[in-house]
Each structure stands twice: as C-alpha cells, then as structure tokens.
C-alpha cells in the first residue's frame, strides 16, 4: 500500500518539510491539490525544479516553515 493510494481522488495533501518532493510528487497524481512546504532554500529550489520537470501543475511550492505559532518570517499557520 502506498501513500498515494490513501489519498481521495480530488482531495488535498499538505507536505510539511517537503524536501525535494519524494512524497508530494507521487501523491500529486491522486490529489487534486498539493501544498509542499520547505524552509531550506537549496531544497526548495530543487523541489521547484522537480515539480516543473514532472509537469505537476497541481503542486504549490511554499518556501517557508509551518508551525503552531505565527511568526513574522515565513511561517505558515496550519489549523485543523
């Protein structure tokens, strides 16, 4: 069983700490929308290139970190 097989067709996926897209890319084949969050500048550049090289238009790459507390520099607040 793969992670991608657990995603509802047309659903969304949030990849926090997306690295180079090892989860975001395969899941994007099943999910309607993928948000890939990566704080490391070098990795986010590789992630963006991987998304483009694979023609994945449903992945939004966010250069930043995610946490429970909003901070002034690049932190995305995620609520359930």
PDB file of N, CA and C in Angstrom:
ATOM      1  N   UNK A   1       0.842  -1.165   0.000  1.00  0.00           N
ATOM      2  CA  UNK A   1       0.000   0.000   0.000  1.00  0.00           C
ATOM      3  C   UNK A   1       0.895   1.238   0.000  1.00  0.00           C
ATOM      4  N   UNK A   2       0.567   2.195  -0.854  1.00  0.00           N
ATOM      5  CA  UNK A   2       1.352   3.429  -0.940  1.00  0.00           C
ATOM      6  C   UNK A   2       0.577   4.592  -0.345  1.00  0.00           C
ATOM      7  N   UNK A   3       1.305   5.648  -0.038  1.00  0.00           N
ATOM      8  CA  UNK A   3       0.662   6.857   0.468  1.00  0.00           C
ATOM      9  C   UNK A   3      -0.306   7.401  -0.569  1.00  0.00           C
ATOM     10  N   UNK A   4       0.101   7.406  -1.821  1.00  0.00           N
ATOM     11  CA  UNK A   4      -0.761   7.931  -2.884  1.00  0.00           C
ATOM     12  C   UNK A   4      -2.082   7.169  -2.959  1.00  0.00           C
ATOM     13  N   UNK A   5      -2.062   5.876  -2.664  1.00  0.00           N
ATOM     14  CA  UNK A   5      -3.304   5.087  -2.724  1.00  0.00           C
ATOM     15  C   UNK A   5      -4.263   5.439  -1.592  1.00  0.00           C
ATOM     16  N   UNK A   6      -3.778   6.132  -0.570  1.00  0.00           N
ATOM     17  CA  UNK A   6      -4.612   6.518   0.565  1.00  0.00           C
ATOM     18  C   UNK A   6      -5.263   7.888   0.386  1.00  0.00           C
ATOM     19  N   UNK A   7      -4.912   8.587  -0.669  1.00  0.00           N
ATOM     20  CA  UNK A   7      -5.441   9.930  -0.931  1.00  0.00           C
ATOM     21  C   UNK A   7      -6.726   9.819  -1.743  1.00  0.00           C
ATOM     22  N   UNK A   8      -7.756  10.515  -1.306  1.00  0.00           N
ATOM     23  CA  UNK A   8      -9.014  10.543  -2.045  1.00  0.00           C
ATOM     24  C   UNK A   8      -8.807  11.280  -3.364  1.00  0.00           C
ATOM     25  N   UNK A   9      -9.333  10.705  -4.429  1.00  0.00           N
ATOM     26  CA  UNK A   9      -9.283  11.400  -5.720  1.00  0.00           C
ATOM     27  C   UNK A   9      -9.963  12.754  -5.550  1.00  0.00           C
ATOM     28  N   UNK A  10      -9.290  13.794  -5.980  1.00  0.00           N
ATOM     29  CA  UNK A  10      -9.845  15.117  -5.851  1.00  0.00           C
ATOM     30  C   UNK A  10      -9.590  15.755  -4.502  1.00  0.00           C
ATOM     31  N   UNK A  11      -8.911  15.045  -3.594  1.00  0.00           N
ATOM     32  CA  UNK A  11      -8.614  15.588  -2.273  1.00  0.00           C
ATOM     33  C   UNK A  11      -7.360  16.445  -2.283  1.00  0.00           C
ATOM     34  N   UNK A  12      -6.980  16.887  -1.111  1.00  0.00           N
ATOM     35  CA  UNK A  12      -5.789  17.709  -0.971  1.00  0.00           C
ATOM     36  C   UNK A  12      -4.757  17.035  -0.091  1.00  0.00           C
ATOM     37  N   UNK A  13      -3.523  17.488  -0.202  1.00  0.00           N
ATOM     38  CA  UNK A  13      -2.421  16.915   0.571  1.00  0.00           C
ATOM     39  C   UNK A  13      -1.477  18.042   0.960  1.00  0.00           C
ATOM     40  N   UNK A  14      -1.095  18.083   2.226  1.00  0.00           N
ATOM     41  CA  UNK A  14      -0.166  19.074   2.743  1.00  0.00           C
ATOM     42  C   UNK A  14       1.122  18.352   3.119  1.00  0.00           C
ATOM     43  N   UNK A  15       2.208  18.693   2.441  1.00  0.00           N
ATOM     44  CA  UNK A  15       3.509  18.070   2.683  1.00  0.00           C
ATOM     45  C   UNK A  15       4.392  19.087   3.405  1.00  0.00           C
ATOM     46  N   UNK A  16       4.515  18.929   4.717  1.00  0.00           N
ATOM     47  CA  UNK A  16       5.314  19.847   5.537  1.00  0.00           C
ATOM     48  C   UNK A  16       6.708  19.262   5.671  1.00  0.00           C
ATOM     49  N   UNK A  17       7.700  20.024   5.244  1.00  0.00           N
ATOM     50  CA  UNK A  17       9.065  19.510   5.179  1.00  0.00           C
ATOM     51  C   UNK A  17       9.208  18.679   3.914  1.00  0.00           C
ATOM     52  N   UNK A  18       8.806  19.259   2.793  1.00  0.00           N
ATOM     53  CA  UNK A  18       8.668  18.533   1.532  1.00  0.00           C
ATOM     54  C   UNK A  18       9.987  18.063   0.929  1.00  0.00           C
ATOM     55  N   UNK A  19      11.102  18.614   1.383  1.00  0.00           N
ATOM     56  CA  UNK A  19      12.410  18.230   0.866  1.00  0.00           C
ATOM     57  C   UNK A  19      12.412  18.409  -0.647  1.00  0.00           C
ATOM     58  N   UNK A  20      12.740  17.377  -1.407  1.00  0.00           N
ATOM     59  CA  UNK A  20      12.815  17.513  -2.868  1.00  0.00           C
ATOM     60  C   UNK A  20      11.563  16.987  -3.571  1.00  0.00           C
ATOM     61  N   UNK A  21      10.548  16.601  -2.792  1.00  0.00           N
ATOM     62  CA  UNK A  21       9.280  16.183  -3.374  1.00  0.00           C
ATOM     63  C   UNK A  21       9.030  14.685  -3.383  1.00  0.00           C
ATOM     64  N   UNK A  22       9.733  13.932  -2.547  1.00  0.00           N
ATOM     65  CA  UNK A  22       9.591  12.471  -2.535  1.00  0.00           C
ATOM     66  C   UNK A  22       8.167  12.014  -2.222  1.00  0.00           C
ATOM     67  N   UNK A  23       7.418  12.794  -1.456  1.00  0.00           N
ATOM     68  CA  UNK A  23       6.017  12.470  -1.184  1.00  0.00           C
ATOM     69  C   UNK A  23       5.089  13.302  -2.068  1.00  0.00           C
ATOM     70  N   UNK A  24       5.375  14.588  -2.211  1.00  0.00           N
ATOM     71  CA  UNK A  24       4.492  15.483  -2.960  1.00  0.00           C
ATOM     72  C   UNK A  24       4.304  15.043  -4.406  1.00  0.00           C
ATOM     73  N   UNK A  25       5.376  14.632  -5.063  1.00  0.00           N
ATOM     74  CA  UNK A  25       5.271  14.271  -6.479  1.00  0.00           C
ATOM     75  C   UNK A  25       4.390  13.043  -6.718  1.00  0.00           C
ATOM     76  N   UNK A  26       4.627  11.906  -6.051  1.00  0.00           N
ATOM     77  CA  UNK A  26       3.742  10.761  -6.310  1.00  0.00           C
ATOM     78  C   UNK A  26       2.302  10.987  -5.855  1.00  0.00           C
ATOM     79  N   UNK A  27       2.119  11.689  -4.741  1.00  0.00           N
ATOM     80  CA  UNK A  27       0.762  11.950  -4.246  1.00  0.00           C
ATOM     81  C   UNK A  27       0.007  12.869  -5.196  1.00  0.00           C
ATOM     82  N   UNK A  28       0.715  13.747  -5.903  1.00  0.00           N
ATOM     83  CA  UNK A  28       0.058  14.699  -6.805  1.00  0.00           C
ATOM     84  C   UNK A  28      -0.657  14.018  -7.960  1.00  0.00           C
ATOM     85  N   UNK A  29      -0.344  12.755  -8.207  1.00  0.00           N
ATOM     86  CA  UNK A  29      -1.057  12.015  -9.256  1.00  0.00           C
ATOM     87  C   UNK A  29      -2.484  11.671  -8.825  1.00  0.00           C
ATOM     88  N   UNK A  30      -2.707  11.580  -7.509  1.00  0.00           N
ATOM     89  CA  UNK A  30      -4.036  11.247  -6.995  1.00  0.00           C
ATOM     90  C   UNK A  30      -4.767  12.463  -6.448  1.00  0.00           C
ATOM     91  N   UNK A  31      -4.047  13.345  -5.762  1.00  0.00           N
ATOM     92  CA  UNK A  31      -4.674  14.510  -5.127  1.00  0.00           C
ATOM     93  C   UNK A  31      -4.955  15.603  -6.154  1.00  0.00           C
ATOM     94  N   UNK A  32      -5.997  16.337  -5.900  1.00  0.00           N
ATOM     95  CA  UNK A  32      -6.308  17.475  -6.767  1.00  0.00           C
ATOM     96  C   UNK A  32      -5.335  18.618  -6.507  1.00  0.00           C
ATOM     97  N   UNK A  33      -5.010  18.821  -5.236  1.00  0.00           N
ATOM     98  CA  UNK A  33      -4.138  19.913  -4.844  1.00  0.00           C
ATOM     99  C   UNK A  33      -3.119  19.420  -3.830  1.00  0.00           C
ATOM    100  N   UNK A  34      -1.861  19.820  -4.030  1.00  0.00           N
ATOM    101  CA  UNK A  34      -0.787  19.515  -3.091  1.00  0.00           C
ATOM    102  C   UNK A  34      -0.086  20.820  -2.744  1.00  0.00           C
ATOM    103  N   UNK A  35       0.097  21.053  -1.451  1.00  0.00           N
ATOM    104  CA  UNK A  35       0.891  22.186  -0.988  1.00  0.00           C
ATOM    105  C   UNK A  35       2.145  21.594  -0.359  1.00  0.00           C
ATOM    106  N   UNK A  36       3.297  21.935  -0.925  1.00  0.00           N
ATOM    107  CA  UNK A  36       4.582  21.412  -0.468  1.00  0.00           C
ATOM    108  C   UNK A  36       5.357  22.543   0.206  1.00  0.00           C
ATOM    109  N   UNK A  37       5.564  22.422   1.508  1.00  0.00           N
ATOM    110  CA  UNK A  37       6.222  23.465   2.292  1.00  0.00           C
ATOM    111  C   UNK A  37       7.635  23.013   2.636  1.00  0.00           C
ATOM    112  N   UNK A  38       8.618  23.830   2.282  1.00  0.00           N
ATOM    113  CA  UNK A  38      10.025  23.508   2.557  1.00  0.00           C
ATOM    114  C   UNK A  38      10.771  24.791   2.928  1.00  0.00           C
ATOM    115  N   UNK A  39      11.427  24.818   4.089  1.00  0.00           N
ATOM    116  CA  UNK A  39      12.120  26.034   4.513  1.00  0.00           C
ATOM    117  C   UNK A  39      13.546  26.189   3.972  1.00  0.00           C
ATOM    118  N   UNK A  40      14.202  25.103   3.600  1.00  0.00           N
ATOM    119  CA  UNK A  40      15.608  25.180   3.190  1.00  0.00           C
ATOM    120  C   UNK A  40      15.700  25.712   1.759  1.00  0.00           C
ATOM    121  N   UNK A  41      16.377  26.854   1.549  1.00  0.00           N
ATOM    122  CA  UNK A  41      16.417  27.474   0.217  1.00  0.00           C
ATOM    123  C   UNK A  41      16.944  26.555  -0.882  1.00  0.00           C
ATOM    124  N   UNK A  42      18.005  25.809  -0.614  1.00  0.00           N
ATOM    125  CA  UNK A  42      18.556  24.920  -1.636  1.00  0.00           C
ATOM    126  C   UNK A  42      17.597  23.804  -2.005  1.00  0.00           C
ATOM    127  N   UNK A  43      16.931  23.242  -0.996  1.00  0.00           N
ATOM    128  CA  UNK A  43      15.986  22.156  -1.250  1.00  0.00           C
ATOM    129  C   UNK A  43      14.731  22.648  -1.947  1.00  0.00           C
ATOM    130  N   UNK A  44      14.278  23.838  -1.595  1.00  0.00           N
ATOM    131  CA  UNK A  44      13.057  24.343  -2.237  1.00  0.00           C
ATOM    132  C   UNK A  44      13.319  24.630  -3.716  1.00  0.00           C
ATOM    133  N   UNK A  45      14.532  25.024  -4.066  1.00  0.00           N
ATOM    134  CA  UNK A  45      14.869  25.224  -5.481  1.00  0.00           C
ATOM    135  C   UNK A  45      14.840  23.900  -6.236  1.00  0.00           C
ATOM    136  N   UNK A  46      15.388  22.848  -5.634  1.00  0.00           N
ATOM    137  CA  UNK A  46      15.360  21.516  -6.255  1.00  0.00           C
ATOM    138  C   UNK A  46      13.922  21.018  -6.347  1.00  0.00           C
ATOM    139  N   UNK A  47      13.148  21.220  -5.289  1.00  0.00           N
ATOM    140  CA  UNK A  47      11.736  20.837  -5.285  1.00  0.00           C
ATOM    141  C   UNK A  47      10.995  21.502  -6.439  1.00  0.00           C
ATOM    142  N   UNK A  48      11.180  22.795  -6.592  1.00  0.00           N
ATOM    143  CA  UNK A  48      10.505  23.529  -7.669  1.00  0.00           C
ATOM    144  C   UNK A  48      10.913  22.984  -9.036  1.00  0.00           C
ATOM    145  N   UNK A  49      12.196  22.698  -9.217  1.00  0.00           N
ATOM    146  CA  UNK A  49      12.660  22.124 -10.493  1.00  0.00           C
ATOM    147  C   UNK A  49      12.036  20.747 -10.729  1.00  0.00           C
ATOM    148  N   UNK A  50      11.939  19.930  -9.674  1.00  0.00           N
ATOM    149  CA  UNK A  50      11.333  18.602  -9.806  1.00  0.00           C
ATOM    150  C   UNK A  50       9.856  18.694 -10.171  1.00  0.00           C
ATOM    151  N   UNK A  51       9.158  19.635  -9.562  1.00  0.00           N
ATOM    152  CA  UNK A  51       7.740  19.837  -9.882  1.00  0.00           C
ATOM    153  C   UNK A  51       7.594  20.216 -11.355  1.00  0.00           C
ATOM    154  N   UNK A  52       8.413  21.153 -11.820  1.00  0.00           N
ATOM    155  CA  UNK A  52       8.355  21.604 -13.211  1.00  0.00           C
ATOM    156  C   UNK A  52       8.767  20.495 -14.177  1.00  0.00           C
ATOM    157  N   UNK A  53       9.819  19.747 -13.836  1.00  0.00           N
ATOM    158  CA  UNK A  53      10.310  18.674 -14.712  1.00  0.00           C
ATOM    159  C   UNK A  53       9.277  17.563 -14.881  1.00  0.00           C
ATOM    160  N   UNK A  54       8.433  17.383 -13.862  1.00  0.00           N
ATOM    161  CA  UNK A  54       7.402  16.357 -13.912  1.00  0.00           C
ATOM    162  C   UNK A  54       6.053  16.884 -14.396  1.00  0.00           C
ATOM    163  N   UNK A  55       6.007  18.172 -14.744  1.00  0.00           N
ATOM    164  CA  UNK A  55       4.777  18.760 -15.271  1.00  0.00           C
ATOM    165  C   UNK A  55       3.618  18.757 -14.296  1.00  0.00           C
ATOM    166  N   UNK A  56       3.908  18.849 -12.997  1.00  0.00           N
ATOM    167  CA  UNK A  56       2.861  18.787 -11.970  1.00  0.00           C
ATOM    168  C   UNK A  56       2.335  20.191 -11.686  1.00  0.00           C
ATOM    169  N   UNK A  57       1.256  20.547 -12.314  1.00  0.00           N
ATOM    170  CA  UNK A  57       0.684  21.891 -12.155  1.00  0.00           C
ATOM    171  C   UNK A  57      -0.204  22.012 -10.925  1.00  0.00           C
ATOM    172  N   UNK A  58      -0.463  20.905 -10.232  1.00  0.00           N
ATOM    173  CA  UNK A  58      -1.328  20.948  -9.054  1.00  0.00           C
ATOM    174  C   UNK A  58      -0.541  20.997  -7.746  1.00  0.00           C
ATOM    175  N   UNK A  59       0.773  21.211  -7.835  1.00  0.00           N
ATOM    176  CA  UNK A  59       1.595  21.346  -6.629  1.00  0.00           C
ATOM    177  C   UNK A  59       1.977  22.806  -6.455  1.00  0.00           C
ATOM    178  N   UNK A  60       1.660  23.360  -5.290  1.00  0.00           N
ATOM    179  CA  UNK A  60       2.100  24.712  -4.929  1.00  0.00           C
ATOM    180  C   UNK A  60       3.280  24.572  -3.982  1.00  0.00           C
ATOM    181  N   UNK A  61       4.416  25.122  -4.379  1.00  0.00           N
ATOM    182  CA  UNK A  61       5.617  25.074  -3.548  1.00  0.00           C
ATOM    183  C   UNK A  61       5.674  26.346  -2.712  1.00  0.00           C
ATOM    184  N   UNK A  62       5.837  26.165  -1.403  1.00  0.00           N
ATOM    185  CA  UNK A  62       5.910  27.296  -0.475  1.00  0.00           C
ATOM    186  C   UNK A  62       7.271  27.259   0.201  1.00  0.00           C
ATOM    187  N   UNK A  63       8.011  28.353   0.055  1.00  0.00           N
ATOM    188  CA  UNK A  63       9.301  28.473   0.740  1.00  0.00           C
ATOM    189  C   UNK A  63       9.027  29.041   2.122  1.00  0.00           C
ATOM    190  N   UNK A  64       9.059  28.185   3.122  1.00  0.00           N
ATOM    191  CA  UNK A  64       8.772  28.609   4.478  1.00  0.00           C
ATOM    192  C   UNK A  64       8.667  27.410   5.397  1.00  0.00           C
ATOM    193  N   UNK A  65       8.371  27.684   6.635  1.00  0.00           N
ATOM    194  CA  UNK A  65       8.202  26.641   7.642  1.00  0.00           C
ATOM    195  C   UNK A  65       6.754  26.668   8.130  1.00  0.00           C
ATOM    196  N   UNK A  66       6.325  25.592   8.724  1.00  0.00           N
ATOM    197  CA  UNK A  66       4.977  25.525   9.285  1.00  0.00           C
ATOM    198  C   UNK A  66       5.092  25.263  10.780  1.00  0.00           C
ATOM    199  N   UNK A  67       4.253  25.926  11.527  1.00  0.00           N
ATOM    200  CA  UNK A  67       4.281  25.741  12.970  1.00  0.00           C
ATOM    201  C   UNK A  67       2.957  26.131  13.585  1.00  0.00           C
ATOM    202  N   UNK A  68       2.845  25.912  14.863  1.00  0.00           N
ATOM    203  CA  UNK A  68       1.604  26.199  15.569  1.00  0.00           C
ATOM    204  C   UNK A  68       1.462  27.679  15.907  1.00  0.00           C
ATOM    205  N   UNK A  69       2.557  28.415  15.833  1.00  0.00           N
ATOM    206  CA  UNK A  69       2.537  29.825  16.190  1.00  0.00           C
ATOM    207  C   UNK A  69       2.993  30.646  14.990  1.00  0.00           C
ATOM    208  N   UNK A  70       2.215  31.665  14.652  1.00  0.00           N
ATOM    209  CA  UNK A  70       2.600  32.537  13.544  1.00  0.00           C
ATOM    210  C   UNK A  70       3.803  33.374  13.940  1.00  0.00           C
ATOM    211  N   UNK A  71       4.769  33.441  13.070  1.00  0.00           N
ATOM    212  CA  UNK A  71       5.969  34.246  13.271  1.00  0.00           C
ATOM    213  C   UNK A  71       6.104  35.212  12.106  1.00  0.00           C
ATOM    214  N   UNK A  72       6.855  36.288  12.282  1.00  0.00           N
ATOM    215  CA  UNK A  72       6.931  37.292  11.234  1.00  0.00           C
ATOM    216  C   UNK A  72       7.669  36.856   9.970  1.00  0.00           C
ATOM    217  N   UNK A  73       8.472  35.780  10.015  1.00  0.00           N
ATOM    218  CA  UNK A  73       9.270  35.428   8.846  1.00  0.00           C
ATOM    219  C   UNK A  73       8.965  34.025   8.335  1.00  0.00           C
ATOM    220  N   UNK A  74       8.158  33.913   7.328  1.00  0.00           N
ATOM    221  CA  UNK A  74       7.989  32.684   6.584  1.00  0.00           C
ATOM    222  C   UNK A  74       7.365  31.511   7.281  1.00  0.00           C
ATOM    223  N   UNK A  75       6.527  31.719   8.262  1.00  0.00           N
ATOM    224  CA  UNK A  75       5.868  30.596   8.923  1.00  0.00           C
ATOM    225  C   UNK A  75       4.395  30.596   8.536  1.00  0.00           C
ATOM    226  N   UNK A  76       3.908  29.443   8.162  1.00  0.00           N
ATOM    227  CA  UNK A  76       2.519  29.288   7.750  1.00  0.00           C
ATOM    228  C   UNK A  76       1.762  28.640   8.891  1.00  0.00           C
ATOM    229  N   UNK A  77       0.677  29.232   9.283  1.00  0.00           N
ATOM    230  CA  UNK A  77      -0.136  28.686  10.370  1.00  0.00           C
ATOM    231  C   UNK A  77      -1.101  27.652   9.790  1.00  0.00           C
ATOM    232  N   UNK A  78      -1.063  26.454  10.318  1.00  0.00           N
ATOM    233  CA  UNK A  78      -1.918  25.374   9.867  1.00  0.00           C
ATOM    234  C   UNK A  78      -2.908  25.040  10.971  1.00  0.00           C
ATOM    235  N   UNK A  79      -4.178  25.063  10.647  1.00  0.00           N
ATOM    236  CA  UNK A  79      -5.215  24.738  11.629  1.00  0.00           C
ATOM    237  C   UNK A  79      -6.063  23.606  11.103  1.00  0.00           C
ATOM    238  N   UNK A  80      -6.519  22.760  12.011  1.00  0.00           N
ATOM    239  CA  UNK A  80      -7.420  21.651  11.633  1.00  0.00           C
ATOM    240  C   UNK A  80      -8.825  21.993  12.046  1.00  0.00           C
TER     241      UNK A  80
END
